[in-house]
Amino acid sequence: MADSTKRTEAEVRFRQAQKRGEDRRKALSEHEAADQAVRERTARLRALRLAKEASDKEEADRQSLLKPATKKRGQHARGKPEKATSKRPQNKQGGPQERE
């Protein structure tokens, strides 16, 4: 009788170990499937973002070509600042004097 109880206990432990192994495999496969889904969504969203950035850049380039070239105040057409053309005040200390 002792042999049959030992055998029964061993079978119960064996079935429990098998069940735990099956649960682990199932959990691992679910985890891997979830990871794969995240990777696929990330790749899709990245592709969408890159496509949007490219179209935004193209639109900005197109808009810059359509805008007339306007020169900023105080700048030449080539982008260099204009030189001051106002007359300098004369130095009152020993500078050139006006003749009357």
PDB file of N, CA and C in Angstrom:
ATOM      1  N   MET A   1       0.794  -1.194   0.000  1.00  0.00           N
ATOM      2  CA  MET A   1       0.000   0.000   0.000  1.00  0.00           C
ATOM      3  C   MET A   1       0.844   1.269   0.000  1.00  0.00           C
ATOM      4  N   ALA A   2       1.970   1.168   0.639  1.00  0.00           N
ATOM      5  CA  ALA A   2       2.857   2.312   0.681  1.00  0.00           C
ATOM      6  C   ALA A   2       3.371   2.638  -0.720  1.00  0.00           C
ATOM      7  N   ASP A   3       3.574   1.588  -1.515  1.00  0.00           N
ATOM      8  CA  ASP A   3       4.043   1.817  -2.884  1.00  0.00           C
ATOM      9  C   ASP A   3       2.988   2.532  -3.724  1.00  0.00           C
ATOM     10  N   SER A   4       1.723   2.171  -3.538  1.00  0.00           N
ATOM     11  CA  SER A   4       0.678   2.801  -4.340  1.00  0.00           C
ATOM     12  C   SER A   4       0.477   4.276  -3.955  1.00  0.00           C
ATOM     13  N   THR A   5       0.616   4.612  -2.683  1.00  0.00           N
ATOM     14  CA  THR A   5       0.473   6.028  -2.292  1.00  0.00           C
ATOM     15  C   THR A   5       1.655   6.846  -2.801  1.00  0.00           C
ATOM     16  N   LYS A   6       2.852   6.240  -2.740  1.00  0.00           N
ATOM     17  CA  LYS A   6       4.020   6.942  -3.274  1.00  0.00           C
ATOM     18  C   LYS A   6       3.862   7.167  -4.780  1.00  0.00           C
ATOM     19  N   ARG A   7       3.379   6.127  -5.423  1.00  0.00           N
ATOM     20  CA  ARG A   7       3.180   6.236  -6.873  1.00  0.00           C
ATOM     21  C   ARG A   7       2.119   7.285  -7.191  1.00  0.00           C
ATOM     22  N   THR A   8       1.030   7.311  -6.469  1.00  0.00           N
ATOM     23  CA  THR A   8      -0.037   8.288  -6.683  1.00  0.00           C
ATOM     24  C   THR A   8       0.467   9.699  -6.444  1.00  0.00           C
ATOM     25  N   GLU A   9       1.233   9.892  -5.368  1.00  0.00           N
ATOM     26  CA  GLU A   9       1.798  11.216  -5.080  1.00  0.00           C
ATOM     27  C   GLU A   9       2.758  11.644  -6.199  1.00  0.00           C
ATOM     28  N   ALA A  10       3.554  10.702  -6.674  1.00  0.00           N
ATOM     29  CA  ALA A  10       4.488  11.015  -7.762  1.00  0.00           C
ATOM     30  C   ALA A  10       3.734  11.394  -9.029  1.00  0.00           C
ATOM     31  N   GLU A  11       2.637  10.674  -9.309  1.00  0.00           N
ATOM     32  CA  GLU A  11       1.838  11.004 -10.499  1.00  0.00           C
ATOM     33  C   GLU A  11       1.201  12.390 -10.364  1.00  0.00           C
ATOM     34  N   VAL A  12       0.722  12.708  -9.169  1.00  0.00           N
ATOM     35  CA  VAL A  12       0.114  14.030  -8.938  1.00  0.00           C
ATOM     36  C   VAL A  12       1.162  15.117  -9.142  1.00  0.00           C
ATOM     37  N   ARG A  13       2.354  14.924  -8.556  1.00  0.00           N
ATOM     38  CA  ARG A  13       3.431  15.916  -8.742  1.00  0.00           C
ATOM     39  C   ARG A  13       3.823  16.033 -10.209  1.00  0.00           C
ATOM     40  N   PHE A  14       3.855  14.905 -10.907  1.00  0.00           N
ATOM     41  CA  PHE A  14       4.203  14.914 -12.327  1.00  0.00           C
ATOM     42  C   PHE A  14       3.166  15.694 -13.133  1.00  0.00           C
ATOM     43  N   ARG A  15       1.877  15.443 -12.865  1.00  0.00           N
ATOM     44  CA  ARG A  15       0.811  16.170 -13.584  1.00  0.00           C
ATOM     45  C   ARG A  15       0.876  17.675 -13.280  1.00  0.00           C
ATOM     46  N   GLN A  16       1.154  18.001 -12.016  1.00  0.00           N
ATOM     47  CA  GLN A  16       1.263  19.414 -11.651  1.00  0.00           C
ATOM     48  C   GLN A  16       2.431  20.076 -12.377  1.00  0.00           C
ATOM     49  N   ALA A  17       3.548  19.384 -12.446  1.00  0.00           N
ATOM     50  CA  ALA A  17       4.722  19.914 -13.154  1.00  0.00           C
ATOM     51  C   ALA A  17       4.411  20.096 -14.636  1.00  0.00           C
ATOM     52  N   GLN A  18       3.692  19.116 -15.219  1.00  0.00           N
ATOM     53  CA  GLN A  18       3.312  19.233 -16.632  1.00  0.00           C
ATOM     54  C   GLN A  18       2.384  20.433 -16.835  1.00  0.00           C
ATOM     55  N   LYS A  19       1.430  20.593 -15.932  1.00  0.00           N
ATOM     56  CA  LYS A  19       0.488  21.708 -16.048  1.00  0.00           C
ATOM     57  C   LYS A  19       1.224  23.041 -15.930  1.00  0.00           C
ATOM     58  N   ARG A  20       2.169  23.143 -14.985  1.00  0.00           N
ATOM     59  CA  ARG A  20       2.955  24.380 -14.849  1.00  0.00           C
ATOM     60  C   ARG A  20       3.758  24.650 -16.109  1.00  0.00           C
ATOM     61  N   GLY A  21       4.331  23.598 -16.683  1.00  0.00           N
ATOM     62  CA  GLY A  21       5.093  23.762 -17.932  1.00  0.00           C
ATOM     63  C   GLY A  21       4.213  24.253 -19.073  1.00  0.00           C
ATOM     64  N   GLU A  22       3.010  23.684 -19.180  1.00  0.00           N
ATOM     65  CA  GLU A  22       2.074  24.128 -20.216  1.00  0.00           C
ATOM     66  C   GLU A  22       1.664  25.583 -19.992  1.00  0.00           C
ATOM     67  N   ASP A  23       1.415  25.951 -18.726  1.00  0.00           N
ATOM     68  CA  ASP A  23       1.048  27.337 -18.405  1.00  0.00           C
ATOM     69  C   ASP A  23       2.179  28.302 -18.764  1.00  0.00           C
ATOM     70  N   ARG A  24       3.407  27.878 -18.478  1.00  0.00           N
ATOM     71  CA  ARG A  24       4.567  28.730 -18.827  1.00  0.00           C
ATOM     72  C   ARG A  24       4.661  28.922 -20.337  1.00  0.00           C
ATOM     73  N   ARG A  25       4.525  27.820 -21.075  1.00  0.00           N
ATOM     74  CA  ARG A  25       4.607  27.914 -22.538  1.00  0.00           C
ATOM     75  C   ARG A  25       3.495  28.816 -23.084  1.00  0.00           C
ATOM     76  N   LYS A  26       2.294  28.663 -22.535  1.00  0.00           N
ATOM     77  CA  LYS A  26       1.169  29.481 -22.988  1.00  0.00           C
ATOM     78  C   LYS A  26       1.408  30.961 -22.669  1.00  0.00           C
ATOM     79  N   ALA A  27       1.886  31.235 -21.456  1.00  0.00           N
ATOM     80  CA  ALA A  27       2.156  32.624 -21.058  1.00  0.00           C
ATOM     81  C   ALA A  27       3.270  33.217 -21.914  1.00  0.00           C
ATOM     82  N   LEU A  28       4.287  32.423 -22.195  1.00  0.00           N
ATOM     83  CA  LEU A  28       5.397  32.905 -23.014  1.00  0.00           C
ATOM     84  C   LEU A  28       4.931  33.204 -24.436  1.00  0.00           C
ATOM     85  N   SER A  29       4.117  32.348 -24.998  1.00  0.00           N
ATOM     86  CA  SER A  29       3.639  32.592 -26.361  1.00  0.00           C
ATOM     87  C   SER A  29       2.737  33.828 -26.404  1.00  0.00           C
ATOM     88  N   GLU A  30       1.907  34.026 -25.366  1.00  0.00           N
ATOM     89  CA  GLU A  30       1.076  35.237 -25.308  1.00  0.00           C
ATOM     90  C   GLU A  30       1.946  36.484 -25.191  1.00  0.00           C
ATOM     91  N   HIS A  31       2.976  36.386 -24.361  1.00  0.00           N
ATOM     92  CA  HIS A  31       3.896  37.513 -24.185  1.00  0.00           C
ATOM     93  C   HIS A  31       4.614  37.846 -25.493  1.00  0.00           C
ATOM     94  N   GLU A  32       5.089  36.815 -26.183  1.00  0.00           N
ATOM     95  CA  GLU A  32       5.768  37.033 -27.461  1.00  0.00           C
ATOM     96  C   GLU A  32       4.814  37.613 -28.498  1.00  0.00           C
ATOM     97  N   ALA A  33       3.567  37.166 -28.508  1.00  0.00           N
ATOM     98  CA  ALA A  33       2.585  37.712 -29.450  1.00  0.00           C
ATOM     99  C   ALA A  33       2.312  39.181 -29.156  1.00  0.00           C
ATOM    100  N   ALA A  34       2.225  39.536 -27.872  1.00  0.00           N
ATOM    101  CA  ALA A  34       2.012  40.936 -27.503  1.00  0.00           C
ATOM    102  C   ALA A  34       3.209  41.787 -27.910  1.00  0.00           C
ATOM    103  N   ASP A  35       4.428  41.271 -27.700  1.00  0.00           N
ATOM    104  CA  ASP A  35       5.635  41.999 -28.109  1.00  0.00           C
ATOM    105  C   ASP A  35       5.661  42.201 -29.626  1.00  0.00           C
ATOM    106  N   GLN A  36       5.299  41.184 -30.366  1.00  0.00           N
ATOM    107  CA  GLN A  36       5.279  41.286 -31.825  1.00  0.00           C
ATOM    108  C   GLN A  36       4.259  42.330 -32.270  1.00  0.00           C
ATOM    109  N   ALA A  37       3.102  42.356 -31.624  1.00  0.00           N
ATOM    110  CA  ALA A  37       2.075  43.345 -31.975  1.00  0.00           C
ATOM    111  C   ALA A  37       2.580  44.756 -31.703  1.00  0.00           C
ATOM    112  N   VAL A  38       3.284  44.953 -30.598  1.00  0.00           N
ATOM    113  CA  VAL A  38       3.840  46.272 -30.274  1.00  0.00           C
ATOM    114  C   VAL A  38       4.870  46.675 -31.325  1.00  0.00           C
ATOM    115  N   ARG A  39       5.737  45.748 -31.708  1.00  0.00           N
ATOM    116  CA  ARG A  39       6.750  46.055 -32.730  1.00  0.00           C
ATOM    117  C   ARG A  39       6.097  46.430 -34.058  1.00  0.00           C
ATOM    118  N   GLU A  40       5.041  45.710 -34.434  1.00  0.00           N
ATOM    119  CA  GLU A  40       4.353  46.006 -35.700  1.00  0.00           C
ATOM    120  C   GLU A  40       3.680  47.376 -35.648  1.00  0.00           C
ATOM    121  N   ARG A  41       3.025  47.695 -34.537  1.00  0.00           N
ATOM    122  CA  ARG A  41       2.380  49.014 -34.402  1.00  0.00           C
ATOM    123  C   ARG A  41       3.429  50.128 -34.424  1.00  0.00           C
ATOM    124  N   THR A  42       4.544  49.901 -33.735  1.00  0.00           N
ATOM    125  CA  THR A  42       5.612  50.901 -33.703  1.00  0.00           C
ATOM    126  C   THR A  42       6.156  51.143 -35.107  1.00  0.00           C
ATOM    127  N   ALA A  43       6.375  50.094 -35.856  1.00  0.00           N
ATOM    128  CA  ALA A  43       6.888  50.229 -37.224  1.00  0.00           C
ATOM    129  C   ALA A  43       5.886  50.972 -38.104  1.00  0.00           C
ATOM    130  N   ARG A  44       4.605  50.656 -37.958  1.00  0.00           N
ATOM    131  CA  ARG A  44       3.574  51.326 -38.759  1.00  0.00           C
ATOM    132  C   ARG A  44       3.498  52.812 -38.411  1.00  0.00           C
ATOM    133  N   LEU A  45       3.510  53.119 -37.118  1.00  0.00           N
ATOM    134  CA  LEU A  45       3.437  54.526 -36.701  1.00  0.00           C
ATOM    135  C   LEU A  45       4.686  55.296 -37.112  1.00  0.00           C
ATOM    136  N   ARG A  46       5.845  54.647 -37.064  1.00  0.00           N
ATOM    137  CA  ARG A  46       7.081  55.310 -37.486  1.00  0.00           C
ATOM    138  C   ARG A  46       7.030  55.626 -38.979  1.00  0.00           C
ATOM    139  N   ALA A  47       6.536  54.681 -39.760  1.00  0.00           N
ATOM    140  CA  ALA A  47       6.422  54.906 -41.205  1.00  0.00           C
ATOM    141  C   ALA A  47       5.454  56.062 -41.483  1.00  0.00           C
ATOM    142  N   LEU A  48       4.349  56.104 -40.754  1.00  0.00           N
ATOM    143  CA  LEU A  48       3.406  57.208 -40.928  1.00  0.00           C
ATOM    144  C   LEU A  48       4.028  58.546 -40.552  1.00  0.00           C
ATOM    145  N   ARG A  49       4.782  58.567 -39.448  1.00  0.00           N
ATOM    146  CA  ARG A  49       5.430  59.817 -39.005  1.00  0.00           C
ATOM    147  C   ARG A  49       6.455  60.284 -40.027  1.00  0.00           C
ATOM    148  N   LEU A  50       7.258  59.371 -40.527  1.00  0.00           N
ATOM    149  CA  LEU A  50       8.274  59.752 -41.512  1.00  0.00           C
ATOM    150  C   LEU A  50       7.628  60.264 -42.796  1.00  0.00           C
ATOM    151  N   ALA A  51       6.531  59.630 -43.217  1.00  0.00           N
ATOM    152  CA  ALA A  51       5.835  60.079 -44.421  1.00  0.00           C
ATOM    153  C   ALA A  51       5.250  61.478 -44.203  1.00  0.00           C
ATOM    154  N   LYS A  52       4.691  61.731 -43.020  1.00  0.00           N
ATOM    155  CA  LYS A  52       4.126  63.049 -42.723  1.00  0.00           C
ATOM    156  C   LYS A  52       5.217  64.102 -42.685  1.00  0.00           C
ATOM    157  N   GLU A  53       6.357  63.788 -42.062  1.00  0.00           N
ATOM    158  CA  GLU A  53       7.459  64.742 -42.013  1.00  0.00           C
ATOM    159  C   GLU A  53       7.959  65.062 -43.420  1.00  0.00           C
ATOM    160  N   ALA A  54       8.036  64.063 -44.281  1.00  0.00           N
ATOM    161  CA  ALA A  54       8.488  64.282 -45.653  1.00  0.00           C
ATOM    162  C   ALA A  54       7.492  65.166 -46.410  1.00  0.00           C
ATOM    163  N   SER A  55       6.201  64.908 -46.242  1.00  0.00           N
ATOM    164  CA  SER A  55       5.206  65.730 -46.950  1.00  0.00           C
ATOM    165  C   SER A  55       5.181  67.147 -46.393  1.00  0.00           C
ATOM    166  N   ASP A  56       5.381  67.305 -45.072  1.00  0.00           N
ATOM    167  CA  ASP A  56       5.448  68.644 -44.491  1.00  0.00           C
ATOM    168  C   ASP A  56       6.646  69.408 -45.034  1.00  0.00           C
ATOM    169  N   LYS A  57       7.771  68.716 -45.186  1.00  0.00           N
ATOM    170  CA  LYS A  57       8.971  69.370 -45.718  1.00  0.00           C
ATOM    171  C   LYS A  57       8.749  69.781 -47.175  1.00  0.00           C
ATOM    172  N   GLU A  58       8.130  68.896 -47.947  1.00  0.00           N
ATOM    173  CA  GLU A  58       7.838  69.232 -49.341  1.00  0.00           C
ATOM    174  C   GLU A  58       6.902  70.434 -49.420  1.00  0.00           C
ATOM    175  N   GLU A  59       5.904  70.468 -48.569  1.00  0.00           N
ATOM    176  CA  GLU A  59       4.956  71.591 -48.549  1.00  0.00           C
ATOM    177  C   GLU A  59       5.664  72.887 -48.160  1.00  0.00           C
ATOM    178  N   ALA A  60       6.557  72.818 -47.178  1.00  0.00           N
ATOM    179  CA  ALA A  60       7.302  74.005 -46.763  1.00  0.00           C
ATOM    180  C   ALA A  60       8.207  74.485 -47.903  1.00  0.00           C
ATOM    181  N   ASP A  61       8.834  73.557 -48.592  1.00  0.00           N
ATOM    182  CA  ASP A  61       9.683  73.929 -49.738  1.00  0.00           C
ATOM    183  C   ASP A  61       8.846  74.565 -50.840  1.00  0.00           C
ATOM    184  N   ARG A  62       7.680  73.998 -51.102  1.00  0.00           N
ATOM    185  CA  ARG A  62       6.793  74.531 -52.131  1.00  0.00           C
ATOM    186  C   ARG A  62       6.319  75.943 -51.743  1.00  0.00           C
ATOM    187  N   GLN A  63       5.984  76.125 -50.476  1.00  0.00           N
ATOM    188  CA  GLN A  63       5.533  77.434 -50.021  1.00  0.00           C
ATOM    189  C   GLN A  63       6.656  78.463 -50.095  1.00  0.00           C
ATOM    190  N   SER A  64       7.879  78.055 -49.786  1.00  0.00           N
ATOM    191  CA  SER A  64       8.992  78.996 -49.853  1.00  0.00           C
ATOM    192  C   SER A  64       9.268  79.405 -51.304  1.00  0.00           C
ATOM    193  N   LEU A  65       8.986  78.513 -52.245  1.00  0.00           N
ATOM    194  CA  LEU A  65       9.180  78.865 -53.654  1.00  0.00           C
ATOM    195  C   LEU A  65       8.073  79.792 -54.144  1.00  0.00           C
ATOM    196  N   LEU A  66       6.898  79.679 -53.576  1.00  0.00           N
ATOM    197  CA  LEU A  66       5.775  80.502 -54.003  1.00  0.00           C
ATOM    198  C   LEU A  66       5.821  81.908 -53.420  1.00  0.00           C
ATOM    199  N   LYS A  67       6.460  82.082 -52.277  1.00  0.00           N
ATOM    200  CA  LYS A  67       6.531  83.396 -51.646  1.00  0.00           C
ATOM    201  C   LYS A  67       7.441  84.301 -52.469  1.00  0.00           C
ATOM    202  N   PRO A  68       7.042  85.570 -52.657  1.00  0.00           N
ATOM    203  CA  PRO A  68       7.953  86.482 -53.343  1.00  0.00           C
ATOM    204  C   PRO A  68       9.125  86.805 -52.423  1.00  0.00           C
ATOM    205  N   ALA A  69      10.253  87.028 -53.044  1.00  0.00           N
ATOM    206  CA  ALA A  69      11.439  87.352 -52.258  1.00  0.00           C
ATOM    207  C   ALA A  69      11.287  88.766 -51.730  1.00  0.00           C
ATOM    208  N   THR A  70      11.194  88.903 -50.456  1.00  0.00           N
ATOM    209  CA  THR A  70      11.087  90.224 -49.848  1.00  0.00           C
ATOM    210  C   THR A  70      12.352  90.485 -49.083  1.00  0.00           C
ATOM    211  N   LYS A  71      12.850  91.710 -49.222  1.00  0.00           N
ATOM    212  CA  LYS A  71      14.068  91.988 -48.484  1.00  0.00           C
ATOM    213  C   LYS A  71      13.697  92.559 -47.130  1.00  0.00           C
ATOM    214  N   LYS A  72      14.448  92.170 -46.162  1.00  0.00           N
ATOM    215  CA  LYS A  72      14.212  92.636 -44.819  1.00  0.00           C
ATOM    216  C   LYS A  72      14.657  94.080 -44.709  1.00  0.00           C
ATOM    217  N   ARG A  73      14.050  94.753 -43.808  1.00  0.00           N
ATOM    218  CA  ARG A  73      14.397  96.150 -43.606  1.00  0.00           C
ATOM    219  C   ARG A  73      15.861  96.251 -43.212  1.00  0.00           C
ATOM    220  N   GLY A  74      16.571  97.121 -43.921  1.00  0.00           N
ATOM    221  CA  GLY A  74      17.979  97.327 -43.609  1.00  0.00           C
ATOM    222  C   GLY A  74      18.899  96.290 -44.211  1.00  0.00           C
ATOM    223  N   GLN A  75      18.439  95.566 -45.222  1.00  0.00           N
ATOM    224  CA  GLN A  75      19.301  94.559 -45.824  1.00  0.00           C
ATOM    225  C   GLN A  75      19.255  94.676 -47.342  1.00  0.00           C
ATOM    226  N   HIS A  76      20.393  94.393 -47.943  1.00  0.00           N
ATOM    227  CA  HIS A  76      20.463  94.328 -49.392  1.00  0.00           C
ATOM    228  C   HIS A  76      19.800  93.050 -49.857  1.00  0.00           C
ATOM    229  N   ALA A  77      19.632  92.943 -51.146  1.00  0.00           N
ATOM    230  CA  ALA A  77      19.023  91.736 -51.709  1.00  0.00           C
ATOM    231  C   ALA A  77      19.890  90.507 -51.441  1.00  0.00           C
ATOM    232  N   ARG A  78      21.205  90.692 -51.311  1.00  0.00           N
ATOM    233  CA  ARG A  78      22.094  89.565 -51.065  1.00  0.00           C
ATOM    234  C   ARG A  78      22.158  89.190 -49.583  1.00  0.00           C
ATOM    235  N   GLY A  79      21.446  89.920 -48.748  1.00  0.00           N
ATOM    236  CA  GLY A  79      21.399  89.560 -47.346  1.00  0.00           C
ATOM    237  C   GLY A  79      22.418  90.265 -46.484  1.00  0.00           C
ATOM    238  N   LYS A  80      23.235  91.146 -47.076  1.00  0.00           N
ATOM    239  CA  LYS A  80      24.216  91.857 -46.271  1.00  0.00           C
ATOM    240  C   LYS A  80      23.558  93.108 -45.690  1.00  0.00           C
ATOM    241  N   PRO A  81      23.917  93.494 -44.488  1.00  0.00           N
ATOM    242  CA  PRO A  81      23.319  94.703 -43.913  1.00  0.00           C
ATOM    243  C   PRO A  81      23.784  95.945 -44.659  1.00  0.00           C
ATOM    244  N   GLU A  82      22.880  96.912 -44.771  1.00  0.00           N
ATOM    245  CA  GLU A  82      23.221  98.162 -45.440  1.00  0.00           C
ATOM    246  C   GLU A  82      24.134  98.978 -44.549  1.00  0.00           C
ATOM    247  N   LYS A  83      24.979  99.764 -45.191  1.00  0.00           N
ATOM    248  CA  LYS A  83      25.845 100.662 -44.433  1.00  0.00           C
ATOM    249  C   LYS A  83      25.038 101.893 -44.060  1.00  0.00           C
ATOM    250  N   ALA A  84      25.363 102.446 -42.916  1.00  0.00           N
ATOM    251  CA  ALA A  84      24.663 103.648 -42.465  1.00  0.00           C
ATOM    252  C   ALA A  84      25.010 104.807 -43.397  1.00  0.00           C
ATOM    253  N   THR A  85      24.006 105.529 -43.858  1.00  0.00           N
ATOM    254  CA  THR A  85      24.246 106.639 -44.781  1.00  0.00           C
ATOM    255  C   THR A  85      24.026 107.988 -44.113  1.00  0.00           C
ATOM    256  N   SER A  86      23.640 107.960 -42.844  1.00  0.00           N
ATOM    257  CA  SER A  86      23.413 109.236 -42.177  1.00  0.00           C
ATOM    258  C   SER A  86      24.747 109.917 -41.899  1.00  0.00           C
ATOM    259  N   LYS A  87      24.703 111.238 -41.860  1.00  0.00           N
ATOM    260  CA  LYS A  87      25.931 111.999 -41.613  1.00  0.00           C
ATOM    261  C   LYS A  87      26.299 111.907 -40.151  1.00  0.00           C
ATOM    262  N   ARG A  88      27.572 111.826 -39.913  1.00  0.00           N
ATOM    263  CA  ARG A  88      28.047 111.784 -38.541  1.00  0.00           C
ATOM    264  C   ARG A  88      28.058 113.198 -37.974  1.00  0.00           C
ATOM    265  N   PRO A  89      27.751 113.358 -36.722  1.00  0.00           N
ATOM    266  CA  PRO A  89      27.872 114.689 -36.134  1.00  0.00           C
ATOM    267  C   PRO A  89      29.346 115.066 -36.031  1.00  0.00           C
ATOM    268  N   GLN A  90      29.613 116.302 -36.284  1.00  0.00           N
ATOM    269  CA  GLN A  90      31.005 116.734 -36.255  1.00  0.00           C
ATOM    270  C   GLN A  90      31.494 116.858 -34.828  1.00  0.00           C
ATOM    271  N   ASN A  91      32.769 116.549 -34.691  1.00  0.00           N
ATOM    272  CA  ASN A  91      33.397 116.620 -33.387  1.00  0.00           C
ATOM    273  C   ASN A  91      33.571 118.086 -33.006  1.00  0.00           C
ATOM    274  N   LYS A  92      33.098 118.470 -31.841  1.00  0.00           N
ATOM    275  CA  LYS A  92      33.183 119.878 -31.431  1.00  0.00           C
ATOM    276  C   LYS A  92      34.533 120.191 -30.822  1.00  0.00           C
ATOM    277  N   GLN A  93      35.326 119.237 -30.551  1.00  0.00           N
ATOM    278  CA  GLN A  93      36.626 119.492 -29.958  1.00  0.00           C
ATOM    279  C   GLN A  93      37.715 119.392 -31.009  1.00  0.00           C
ATOM    280  N   GLY A  94      38.073 120.448 -31.582  1.00  0.00           N
ATOM    281  CA  GLY A  94      39.198 120.488 -32.501  1.00  0.00           C
ATOM    282  C   GLY A  94      38.947 119.825 -33.826  1.00  0.00           C
ATOM    283  N   GLY A  95      37.726 119.586 -34.180  1.00  0.00           N
ATOM    284  CA  GLY A  95      37.416 118.984 -35.440  1.00  0.00           C
ATOM    285  C   GLY A  95      37.317 120.032 -36.521  1.00  0.00           C
ATOM    286  N   PRO A  96      36.960 119.653 -37.689  1.00  0.00           N
ATOM    287  CA  PRO A  96      36.850 120.630 -38.776  1.00  0.00           C
ATOM    288  C   PRO A  96      35.781 121.677 -38.421  1.00  0.00           C
ATOM    289  N   GLN A  97      36.118 122.910 -38.701  1.00  0.00           N
ATOM    290  CA  GLN A  97      35.198 123.991 -38.409  1.00  0.00           C
ATOM    291  C   GLN A  97      34.598 124.522 -39.690  1.00  0.00           C
ATOM    292  N   GLU A  98      33.373 124.987 -39.592  1.00  0.00           N
ATOM    293  CA  GLU A  98      32.720 125.567 -40.755  1.00  0.00           C
ATOM    294  C   GLU A  98      33.180 127.017 -40.914  1.00  0.00           C
ATOM    295  N   ARG A  99      33.413 127.441 -42.099  1.00  0.00           N
ATOM    296  CA  ARG A  99      33.839 128.818 -42.371  1.00  0.00           C
ATOM    297  C   ARG A  99      32.621 129.665 -42.699  1.00  0.00           C
ATOM    298  N   GLU A 100      32.639 130.875 -42.180  1.00  0.00           N
ATOM    299  CA  GLU A 100      31.526 131.766 -42.452  1.00  0.00           C
ATOM    300  C   GLU A 100      31.882 132.831 -43.407  1.00  0.00           C
TER     301      GLU A 100
END
